[in-house]
Amino acid sequence: MGKPLIRNLKDGFAEIFLSVAGSIGSVWLISALLAANDTNLKTGAAFGRYFEGGQVGLTILAVSGAAFGALLRHPQKDKFGSVFMGLSLLMPIVATSVIIGFNPGFGKGGLTDTSLTILWIIYAFIHILWLIFIVRSPTVPNAQEAGAEQEDRVSGIKQRAANRAQ
């Protein structure tokens, strides 16, 4: 693996981790605190209870906005890939909007388990797509890397000139 790809992977995983932590991490933390105070309640059950009405759909829409920002911030190497990624990101937004429309007040039990599972799959899909945006984006060297690259290039030119002079 080249250095640019490794840097893209590290940046990508960092962005995805921050997105997940920011979008559902606080709910998980609150669920853990509720479960700690109630011996009959498990963290997973408290977490699931919060999202029973499809509230994860709002999280998906917010994360999708951030993913669109990532697509614009990390331009793709080819136009087709960029258009394909944009359309791939638009489809889950439409699907989420339709599913939320089935239960606009987020009433508990307003969505089937299948609909909730689809929402969670869309949530994961958007994050995977976001990671792909970042990994596929061309890397721009930082100032130190660019300077070192130019220094190596100039040294190479000097070395070749010295070799020709001999």
N, C-alpha and C. Protein backbone atom coordinates (compact mmCIF):
# COMPACT_ATOMS: atom_id res chain seq x y z
N MET A 1 0.85 -1.18 0.00
CA MET A 1 0.00 0.00 0.00
C MET A 1 0.88 1.23 0.00
N GLY A 2 0.50 2.18 -0.83
CA GLY A 2 1.26 3.42 -0.88
C GLY A 2 0.90 4.35 0.26
N LYS A 3 1.79 5.31 0.49
CA LYS A 3 1.54 6.27 1.56
C LYS A 3 0.24 7.06 1.36
N PRO A 4 -0.06 7.51 0.11
CA PRO A 4 -1.31 8.25 -0.06
C PRO A 4 -2.54 7.42 0.30
N LEU A 5 -2.55 6.14 -0.08
CA LEU A 5 -3.70 5.29 0.21
C LEU A 5 -3.84 5.08 1.72
N ILE A 6 -2.74 4.87 2.40
CA ILE A 6 -2.79 4.68 3.85
C ILE A 6 -3.30 5.95 4.53
N ARG A 7 -2.82 7.11 4.04
CA ARG A 7 -3.28 8.37 4.62
C ARG A 7 -4.77 8.55 4.36
N ASN A 8 -5.23 8.22 3.14
CA ASN A 8 -6.66 8.31 2.84
C ASN A 8 -7.47 7.39 3.74
N LEU A 9 -6.98 6.16 3.96
CA LEU A 9 -7.69 5.22 4.83
C LEU A 9 -7.78 5.76 6.26
N LYS A 10 -6.66 6.28 6.77
CA LYS A 10 -6.66 6.82 8.13
C LYS A 10 -7.62 8.00 8.23
N ASP A 11 -7.57 8.91 7.25
CA ASP A 11 -8.47 10.06 7.26
C ASP A 11 -9.92 9.59 7.16
N GLY A 12 -10.15 8.60 6.29
CA GLY A 12 -11.51 8.09 6.10
C GLY A 12 -12.07 7.46 7.35
N PHE A 13 -11.29 6.58 7.97
CA PHE A 13 -11.77 5.94 9.19
C PHE A 13 -11.97 6.96 10.31
N ALA A 14 -11.13 7.99 10.36
CA ALA A 14 -11.30 9.03 11.38
C ALA A 14 -12.61 9.78 11.16
N GLU A 15 -12.91 10.15 9.91
CA GLU A 15 -14.16 10.86 9.62
C GLU A 15 -15.37 9.99 9.92
N ILE A 16 -15.30 8.72 9.54
CA ILE A 16 -16.43 7.82 9.77
C ILE A 16 -16.64 7.61 11.26
N PHE A 17 -15.56 7.41 12.00
CA PHE A 17 -15.67 7.23 13.45
C PHE A 17 -16.32 8.46 14.09
N LEU A 18 -15.87 9.65 13.69
CA LEU A 18 -16.44 10.87 14.26
C LEU A 18 -17.91 11.02 13.88
N SER A 19 -18.27 10.62 12.67
CA SER A 19 -19.67 10.70 12.25
C SER A 19 -20.54 9.78 13.08
N VAL A 20 -20.11 8.54 13.24
CA VAL A 20 -20.89 7.57 14.02
C VAL A 20 -20.96 8.02 15.49
N ALA A 21 -19.83 8.44 16.02
CA ALA A 21 -19.82 8.90 17.42
C ALA A 21 -20.73 10.11 17.61
N GLY A 22 -20.71 11.01 16.66
CA GLY A 22 -21.54 12.21 16.78
C GLY A 22 -23.01 11.96 16.50
N SER A 23 -23.30 11.04 15.60
CA SER A 23 -24.70 10.85 15.21
C SER A 23 -25.46 9.90 16.13
N ILE A 24 -24.83 8.83 16.60
CA ILE A 24 -25.55 7.91 17.50
C ILE A 24 -24.79 7.61 18.78
N GLY A 25 -23.58 8.08 18.88
CA GLY A 25 -22.76 7.81 20.07
C GLY A 25 -23.36 8.38 21.34
N SER A 26 -23.92 9.58 21.26
CA SER A 26 -24.51 10.18 22.45
C SER A 26 -25.74 9.40 22.91
N VAL A 27 -26.52 8.86 21.95
CA VAL A 27 -27.68 8.04 22.31
C VAL A 27 -27.21 6.76 22.99
N TRP A 28 -26.13 6.18 22.48
CA TRP A 28 -25.59 4.96 23.10
C TRP A 28 -25.11 5.25 24.53
N LEU A 29 -24.46 6.38 24.71
CA LEU A 29 -23.98 6.76 26.05
C LEU A 29 -25.14 6.96 27.01
N ILE A 30 -26.17 7.65 26.57
CA ILE A 30 -27.35 7.86 27.41
C ILE A 30 -28.01 6.51 27.72
N SER A 31 -28.07 5.63 26.74
CA SER A 31 -28.64 4.29 26.95
C SER A 31 -27.85 3.52 27.99
N ALA A 32 -26.53 3.63 27.93
CA ALA A 32 -25.68 2.95 28.92
C ALA A 32 -25.92 3.51 30.31
N LEU A 33 -26.10 4.82 30.42
CA LEU A 33 -26.37 5.43 31.73
C LEU A 33 -27.73 4.99 32.27
N LEU A 34 -28.74 4.94 31.38
CA LEU A 34 -30.06 4.47 31.81
C LEU A 34 -30.00 3.02 32.27
N ALA A 35 -29.26 2.19 31.53
CA ALA A 35 -29.14 0.77 31.90
C ALA A 35 -28.38 0.60 33.21
N ALA A 36 -27.42 1.47 33.47
CA ALA A 36 -26.66 1.39 34.71
C ALA A 36 -27.56 1.70 35.92
N ASN A 37 -28.57 2.53 35.72
CA ASN A 37 -29.47 2.90 36.82
C ASN A 37 -30.67 1.99 36.96
N ASP A 38 -30.88 1.11 35.98
CA ASP A 38 -32.03 0.20 36.01
C ASP A 38 -31.53 -1.21 35.75
N THR A 39 -31.60 -2.08 36.75
CA THR A 39 -31.05 -3.43 36.62
C THR A 39 -31.81 -4.29 35.62
N ASN A 40 -33.06 -3.94 35.33
CA ASN A 40 -33.86 -4.72 34.37
C ASN A 40 -33.65 -4.28 32.93
N LEU A 41 -32.92 -3.22 32.73
CA LEU A 41 -32.74 -2.65 31.38
C LEU A 41 -31.33 -2.89 30.87
N LYS A 42 -31.21 -3.35 29.66
CA LYS A 42 -29.91 -3.54 29.02
C LYS A 42 -29.64 -2.34 28.12
N THR A 43 -28.37 -2.05 27.91
CA THR A 43 -27.99 -0.90 27.08
C THR A 43 -28.56 -1.02 25.67
N GLY A 44 -28.45 -2.21 25.07
CA GLY A 44 -28.95 -2.41 23.71
C GLY A 44 -30.46 -2.20 23.62
N ALA A 45 -31.18 -2.63 24.65
CA ALA A 45 -32.63 -2.46 24.65
C ALA A 45 -33.01 -0.99 24.77
N ALA A 46 -32.31 -0.26 25.63
CA ALA A 46 -32.57 1.17 25.78
C ALA A 46 -32.25 1.91 24.48
N PHE A 47 -31.15 1.52 23.86
CA PHE A 47 -30.74 2.13 22.59
C PHE A 47 -31.80 1.84 21.52
N GLY A 48 -32.21 0.59 21.40
CA GLY A 48 -33.21 0.21 20.41
C GLY A 48 -34.55 0.88 20.65
N ARG A 49 -34.92 1.06 21.92
CA ARG A 49 -36.19 1.69 22.26
C ARG A 49 -36.23 3.13 21.75
N TYR A 50 -35.08 3.81 21.82
CA TYR A 50 -35.04 5.19 21.35
C TYR A 50 -35.35 5.28 19.86
N PHE A 51 -34.89 4.30 19.09
CA PHE A 51 -35.04 4.35 17.63
C PHE A 51 -36.25 3.57 17.12
N GLU A 52 -37.14 3.09 18.01
CA GLU A 52 -38.28 2.27 17.60
C GLU A 52 -39.19 2.96 16.59
N GLY A 53 -39.32 4.26 16.68
CA GLY A 53 -40.22 4.98 15.80
C GLY A 53 -39.60 5.37 14.47
N GLY A 54 -38.34 5.05 14.27
CA GLY A 54 -37.67 5.38 13.02
C GLY A 54 -36.85 6.66 13.09
N GLN A 55 -36.54 7.12 14.31
CA GLN A 55 -35.76 8.34 14.48
C GLN A 55 -34.40 8.25 13.80
N VAL A 56 -33.91 7.04 13.57
CA VAL A 56 -32.63 6.89 12.88
C VAL A 56 -32.72 7.51 11.48
N GLY A 57 -33.92 7.62 10.94
CA GLY A 57 -34.09 8.26 9.63
C GLY A 57 -33.61 9.70 9.63
N LEU A 58 -33.88 10.42 10.71
CA LEU A 58 -33.38 11.79 10.80
C LEU A 58 -31.86 11.82 10.86
N THR A 59 -31.30 10.85 11.56
CA THR A 59 -29.84 10.74 11.62
C THR A 59 -29.28 10.45 10.24
N ILE A 60 -29.95 9.59 9.50
CA ILE A 60 -29.50 9.25 8.14
C ILE A 60 -29.49 10.50 7.27
N LEU A 61 -30.55 11.28 7.35
CA LEU A 61 -30.62 12.49 6.52
C LEU A 61 -29.51 13.47 6.89
N ALA A 62 -29.23 13.61 8.17
CA ALA A 62 -28.15 14.51 8.60
C ALA A 62 -26.79 14.00 8.15
N VAL A 63 -26.56 12.71 8.32
CA VAL A 63 -25.28 12.11 7.91
C VAL A 63 -25.13 12.18 6.39
N SER A 64 -26.24 12.05 5.67
CA SER A 64 -26.19 12.14 4.20
C SER A 64 -25.72 13.53 3.77
N GLY A 65 -26.16 14.55 4.47
CA GLY A 65 -25.69 15.90 4.17
C GLY A 65 -24.19 16.01 4.37
N ALA A 66 -23.69 15.42 5.44
CA ALA A 66 -22.25 15.42 5.69
C ALA A 66 -21.51 14.61 4.63
N ALA A 67 -22.12 13.49 4.19
CA ALA A 67 -21.49 12.67 3.16
C ALA A 67 -21.45 13.41 1.82
N PHE A 68 -22.51 14.16 1.50
CA PHE A 68 -22.48 14.98 0.29
C PHE A 68 -21.36 16.02 0.40
N GLY A 69 -21.20 16.59 1.58
CA GLY A 69 -20.09 17.53 1.80
C GLY A 69 -18.75 16.86 1.57
N ALA A 70 -18.62 15.62 2.03
CA ALA A 70 -17.37 14.88 1.82
C ALA A 70 -17.14 14.62 0.34
N LEU A 71 -18.20 14.33 -0.40
CA LEU A 71 -18.07 14.10 -1.84
C LEU A 71 -17.57 15.36 -2.54
N LEU A 72 -18.06 16.51 -2.11
CA LEU A 72 -17.60 17.77 -2.71
C LEU A 72 -16.19 18.14 -2.25
N ARG A 73 -15.88 17.83 -1.00
CA ARG A 73 -14.57 18.16 -0.43
C ARG A 73 -13.48 17.24 -0.94
N HIS A 74 -13.85 16.00 -1.26
CA HIS A 74 -12.90 15.00 -1.76
C HIS A 74 -13.28 14.64 -3.19
N PRO A 75 -12.93 15.48 -4.16
CA PRO A 75 -13.33 15.20 -5.54
C PRO A 75 -12.77 13.86 -6.00
N GLN A 76 -13.55 13.17 -6.83
CA GLN A 76 -13.15 11.85 -7.31
C GLN A 76 -12.19 11.99 -8.49
N LYS A 77 -11.51 10.91 -8.81
CA LYS A 77 -10.50 10.93 -9.86
C LYS A 77 -11.12 11.03 -11.25
N ASP A 78 -12.38 10.64 -11.39
CA ASP A 78 -13.03 10.70 -12.71
C ASP A 78 -14.44 11.24 -12.56
N LYS A 79 -14.94 11.86 -13.61
CA LYS A 79 -16.28 12.46 -13.58
C LYS A 79 -17.37 11.40 -13.40
N PHE A 80 -17.24 10.27 -14.11
CA PHE A 80 -18.24 9.21 -14.01
C PHE A 80 -18.36 8.72 -12.56
N GLY A 81 -17.21 8.51 -11.92
CA GLY A 81 -17.22 8.05 -10.53
C GLY A 81 -17.90 9.06 -9.62
N SER A 82 -17.67 10.33 -9.86
CA SER A 82 -18.28 11.37 -9.05
C SER A 82 -19.79 11.39 -9.22
N VAL A 83 -20.27 11.30 -10.46
CA VAL A 83 -21.71 11.27 -10.72
C VAL A 83 -22.33 10.01 -10.13
N PHE A 84 -21.67 8.87 -10.32
CA PHE A 84 -22.17 7.60 -9.78
C PHE A 84 -22.27 7.66 -8.26
N MET A 85 -21.25 8.21 -7.61
CA MET A 85 -21.27 8.31 -6.14
C MET A 85 -22.40 9.24 -5.69
N GLY A 86 -22.58 10.35 -6.38
CA GLY A 86 -23.66 11.27 -6.02
C GLY A 86 -25.03 10.62 -6.14
N LEU A 87 -25.25 9.89 -7.23
CA LEU A 87 -26.53 9.19 -7.40
C LEU A 87 -26.69 8.07 -6.38
N SER A 88 -25.59 7.39 -6.07
CA SER A 88 -25.64 6.32 -5.06
C SER A 88 -26.01 6.88 -3.70
N LEU A 89 -25.62 8.11 -3.44
CA LEU A 89 -25.94 8.75 -2.18
C LEU A 89 -27.36 9.30 -2.17
N LEU A 90 -27.87 9.65 -3.32
CA LEU A 90 -29.22 10.19 -3.42
C LEU A 90 -30.29 9.12 -3.19
N MET A 91 -30.05 7.91 -3.65
CA MET A 91 -31.04 6.84 -3.51
C MET A 91 -31.38 6.54 -2.05
N PRO A 92 -30.41 6.40 -1.15
CA PRO A 92 -30.78 6.15 0.25
C PRO A 92 -31.53 7.31 0.90
N ILE A 93 -31.25 8.52 0.44
CA ILE A 93 -31.96 9.68 1.00
C ILE A 93 -33.44 9.60 0.62
N VAL A 94 -33.72 9.26 -0.63
CA VAL A 94 -35.11 9.12 -1.07
C VAL A 94 -35.79 7.97 -0.32
N ALA A 95 -35.10 6.83 -0.21
CA ALA A 95 -35.67 5.68 0.50
C ALA A 95 -35.96 6.02 1.96
N THR A 96 -35.04 6.71 2.60
CA THR A 96 -35.23 7.11 4.00
C THR A 96 -36.42 8.05 4.13
N SER A 97 -36.54 8.99 3.22
CA SER A 97 -37.65 9.93 3.26
C SER A 97 -38.99 9.20 3.12
N VAL A 98 -39.03 8.22 2.25
CA VAL A 98 -40.27 7.44 2.06
C VAL A 98 -40.60 6.67 3.34
N ILE A 99 -39.60 6.02 3.92
CA ILE A 99 -39.84 5.23 5.13
C ILE A 99 -40.28 6.13 6.29
N ILE A 100 -39.64 7.29 6.43
CA ILE A 100 -40.05 8.22 7.48
C ILE A 100 -41.49 8.67 7.25
N GLY A 101 -41.88 8.80 5.98
CA GLY A 101 -43.24 9.19 5.65
C GLY A 101 -44.29 8.21 6.14
N PHE A 102 -43.93 6.95 6.34
CA PHE A 102 -44.87 5.95 6.86
C PHE A 102 -45.18 6.19 8.33
N ASN A 103 -44.31 6.89 9.03
CA ASN A 103 -44.51 7.16 10.46
C ASN A 103 -43.96 8.56 10.76
N PRO A 104 -44.65 9.61 10.27
CA PRO A 104 -44.10 10.96 10.41
C PRO A 104 -43.97 11.46 11.84
N GLY A 105 -44.75 10.94 12.76
CA GLY A 105 -44.66 11.39 14.15
C GLY A 105 -43.72 10.56 15.00
N PHE A 106 -43.06 9.57 14.38
CA PHE A 106 -42.13 8.67 15.07
C PHE A 106 -42.79 7.97 16.24
N GLY A 107 -44.05 7.58 16.06
CA GLY A 107 -44.75 6.84 17.11
C GLY A 107 -44.15 5.44 17.25
N LYS A 108 -44.05 4.98 18.50
CA LYS A 108 -43.50 3.65 18.73
C LYS A 108 -44.39 2.60 18.08
N GLY A 109 -43.75 1.68 17.36
CA GLY A 109 -44.49 0.64 16.68
C GLY A 109 -45.06 1.10 15.34
N GLY A 110 -44.76 2.32 14.94
CA GLY A 110 -45.28 2.85 13.68
C GLY A 110 -44.59 2.27 12.45
N LEU A 111 -43.43 1.69 12.63
CA LEU A 111 -42.69 1.06 11.54
C LEU A 111 -42.48 -0.41 11.86
N THR A 112 -42.42 -1.20 10.83
CA THR A 112 -42.16 -2.63 11.02
C THR A 112 -40.68 -2.84 11.31
N ASP A 113 -40.37 -4.01 11.83
CA ASP A 113 -38.96 -4.35 12.08
C ASP A 113 -38.15 -4.33 10.79
N THR A 114 -38.79 -4.75 9.69
CA THR A 114 -38.10 -4.75 8.40
C THR A 114 -37.74 -3.33 7.99
N SER A 115 -38.66 -2.38 8.18
CA SER A 115 -38.37 -0.98 7.84
C SER A 115 -37.24 -0.43 8.69
N LEU A 116 -37.24 -0.76 9.97
CA LEU A 116 -36.16 -0.30 10.85
C LEU A 116 -34.82 -0.91 10.44
N THR A 117 -34.85 -2.19 10.07
CA THR A 117 -33.61 -2.84 9.62
C THR A 117 -33.10 -2.18 8.35
N ILE A 118 -34.00 -1.87 7.44
CA ILE A 118 -33.60 -1.19 6.20
C ILE A 118 -32.97 0.17 6.52
N LEU A 119 -33.54 0.89 7.47
CA LEU A 119 -32.96 2.18 7.86
C LEU A 119 -31.54 2.01 8.40
N TRP A 120 -31.32 1.00 9.23
CA TRP A 120 -29.97 0.78 9.76
C TRP A 120 -29.00 0.36 8.66
N ILE A 121 -29.48 -0.41 7.70
CA ILE A 121 -28.63 -0.79 6.56
C ILE A 121 -28.27 0.45 5.75
N ILE A 122 -29.23 1.33 5.54
CA ILE A 122 -28.96 2.58 4.82
C ILE A 122 -27.94 3.41 5.59
N TYR A 123 -28.07 3.47 6.90
CA TYR A 123 -27.11 4.21 7.73
C TYR A 123 -25.69 3.67 7.52
N ALA A 124 -25.54 2.36 7.55
CA ALA A 124 -24.23 1.74 7.34
C ALA A 124 -23.75 1.98 5.91
N PHE A 125 -24.65 1.85 4.93
CA PHE A 125 -24.29 2.03 3.52
C PHE A 125 -23.75 3.44 3.26
N ILE A 126 -24.38 4.44 3.85
CA ILE A 126 -23.92 5.81 3.64
C ILE A 126 -22.52 5.99 4.20
N HIS A 127 -22.24 5.39 5.36
CA HIS A 127 -20.90 5.50 5.92
C HIS A 127 -19.86 4.76 5.07
N ILE A 128 -20.23 3.61 4.54
CA ILE A 128 -19.32 2.88 3.66
C ILE A 128 -19.05 3.68 2.39
N LEU A 129 -20.09 4.27 1.83
CA LEU A 129 -19.94 5.10 0.64
C LEU A 129 -19.05 6.30 0.94
N TRP A 130 -19.24 6.89 2.08
CA TRP A 130 -18.44 8.03 2.52
C TRP A 130 -16.96 7.63 2.59
N LEU A 131 -16.68 6.47 3.15
CA LEU A 131 -15.31 5.98 3.22
C LEU A 131 -14.73 5.79 1.82
N ILE A 132 -15.54 5.27 0.92
CA ILE A 132 -15.08 5.09 -0.47
C ILE A 132 -14.75 6.44 -1.11
N PHE A 133 -15.56 7.48 -0.83
CA PHE A 133 -15.27 8.82 -1.37
C PHE A 133 -13.86 9.23 -0.98
N ILE A 134 -13.56 9.06 0.28
CA ILE A 134 -12.28 9.53 0.80
C ILE A 134 -11.12 8.70 0.26
N VAL A 135 -11.28 7.39 0.22
CA VAL A 135 -10.20 6.52 -0.26
C VAL A 135 -9.93 6.76 -1.74
N ARG A 136 -10.98 6.99 -2.53
CA ARG A 136 -10.80 7.19 -3.97
C ARG A 136 -10.31 8.58 -4.33
N SER A 137 -10.35 9.52 -3.41
CA SER A 137 -9.97 10.89 -3.75
C SER A 137 -8.46 10.99 -3.94
N PRO A 138 -8.04 11.83 -4.89
CA PRO A 138 -6.60 12.01 -5.06
C PRO A 138 -6.02 12.72 -3.84
N THR A 139 -4.83 12.33 -3.47
CA THR A 139 -4.23 12.95 -2.29
C THR A 139 -3.40 14.15 -2.70
N VAL A 140 -3.44 15.14 -1.87
CA VAL A 140 -2.65 16.35 -2.08
C VAL A 140 -1.55 16.33 -1.02
N PRO A 141 -0.29 16.37 -1.44
CA PRO A 141 0.77 16.31 -0.44
C PRO A 141 0.77 17.56 0.44
N ASN A 142 1.15 17.35 1.70
CA ASN A 142 1.25 18.52 2.57
C ASN A 142 2.53 19.27 2.22
N ALA A 143 2.78 20.38 2.87
CA ALA A 143 3.91 21.24 2.52
C ALA A 143 5.25 20.53 2.68
N GLN A 144 5.41 19.74 3.73
CA GLN A 144 6.67 19.04 3.96
C GLN A 144 6.91 18.00 2.88
N GLU A 145 5.87 17.25 2.53
CA GLU A 145 6.02 16.22 1.49
C GLU A 145 6.32 16.85 0.14
N ALA A 146 5.64 17.94 -0.17
CA ALA A 146 5.88 18.62 -1.45
C ALA A 146 7.30 19.17 -1.50
N GLY A 147 7.75 19.74 -0.40
CA GLY A 147 9.11 20.28 -0.35
C GLY A 147 10.15 19.18 -0.50
N ALA A 148 9.94 18.06 0.19
CA ALA A 148 10.88 16.94 0.08
C ALA A 148 10.89 16.37 -1.33
N GLU A 149 9.73 16.31 -1.96
CA GLU A 149 9.64 15.81 -3.33
C GLU A 149 10.41 16.71 -4.29
N GLN A 150 10.28 18.02 -4.12
CA GLN A 150 11.00 18.96 -4.99
C GLN A 150 12.50 18.90 -4.74
N GLU A 151 12.86 18.73 -3.48
CA GLU A 151 14.28 18.63 -3.14
C GLU A 151 14.89 17.37 -3.78
N ASP A 152 14.17 16.27 -3.73
CA ASP A 152 14.63 15.03 -4.36
C ASP A 152 14.74 15.20 -5.87
N ARG A 153 13.79 15.89 -6.47
CA ARG A 153 13.80 16.11 -7.91
C ARG A 153 15.01 16.95 -8.32
N VAL A 154 15.27 18.02 -7.57
CA VAL A 154 16.42 18.89 -7.88
C VAL A 154 17.73 18.14 -7.66
N SER A 155 17.80 17.36 -6.60
CA SER A 155 19.02 16.57 -6.34
C SER A 155 19.26 15.58 -7.47
N GLY A 156 18.18 14.98 -7.98
CA GLY A 156 18.29 14.05 -9.10
C GLY A 156 18.80 14.73 -10.35
N ILE A 157 18.32 15.93 -10.61
CA ILE A 157 18.78 16.69 -11.78
C ILE A 157 20.26 17.01 -11.63
N LYS A 158 20.66 17.45 -10.46
CA LYS A 158 22.07 17.78 -10.22
C LYS A 158 22.95 16.53 -10.39
N GLN A 159 22.48 15.40 -9.88
CA GLN A 159 23.25 14.16 -9.97
C GLN A 159 23.41 13.72 -11.43
N ARG A 160 22.33 13.81 -12.20
CA ARG A 160 22.42 13.43 -13.62
C ARG A 160 23.34 14.37 -14.38
N ALA A 161 23.32 15.65 -14.06
CA ALA A 161 24.21 16.61 -14.70
C ALA A 161 25.67 16.32 -14.35
N ALA A 162 25.91 15.99 -13.09
CA ALA A 162 27.27 15.66 -12.66
C ALA A 162 27.75 14.40 -13.36
N ASN A 163 26.88 13.41 -13.53
CA ASN A 163 27.24 12.15 -14.21
C ASN A 163 27.56 12.41 -15.68
N ARG A 164 26.83 13.29 -16.32
CA ARG A 164 27.10 13.61 -17.73
C ARG A 164 28.42 14.34 -17.89
N ALA A 165 28.76 15.17 -16.90
CA ALA A 165 29.98 15.97 -16.99
C ALA A 165 31.23 15.11 -16.88
N GLN A 166 31.12 13.93 -16.34
CA GLN A 166 32.30 13.09 -16.15
C GLN A 166 32.66 12.36 -17.38
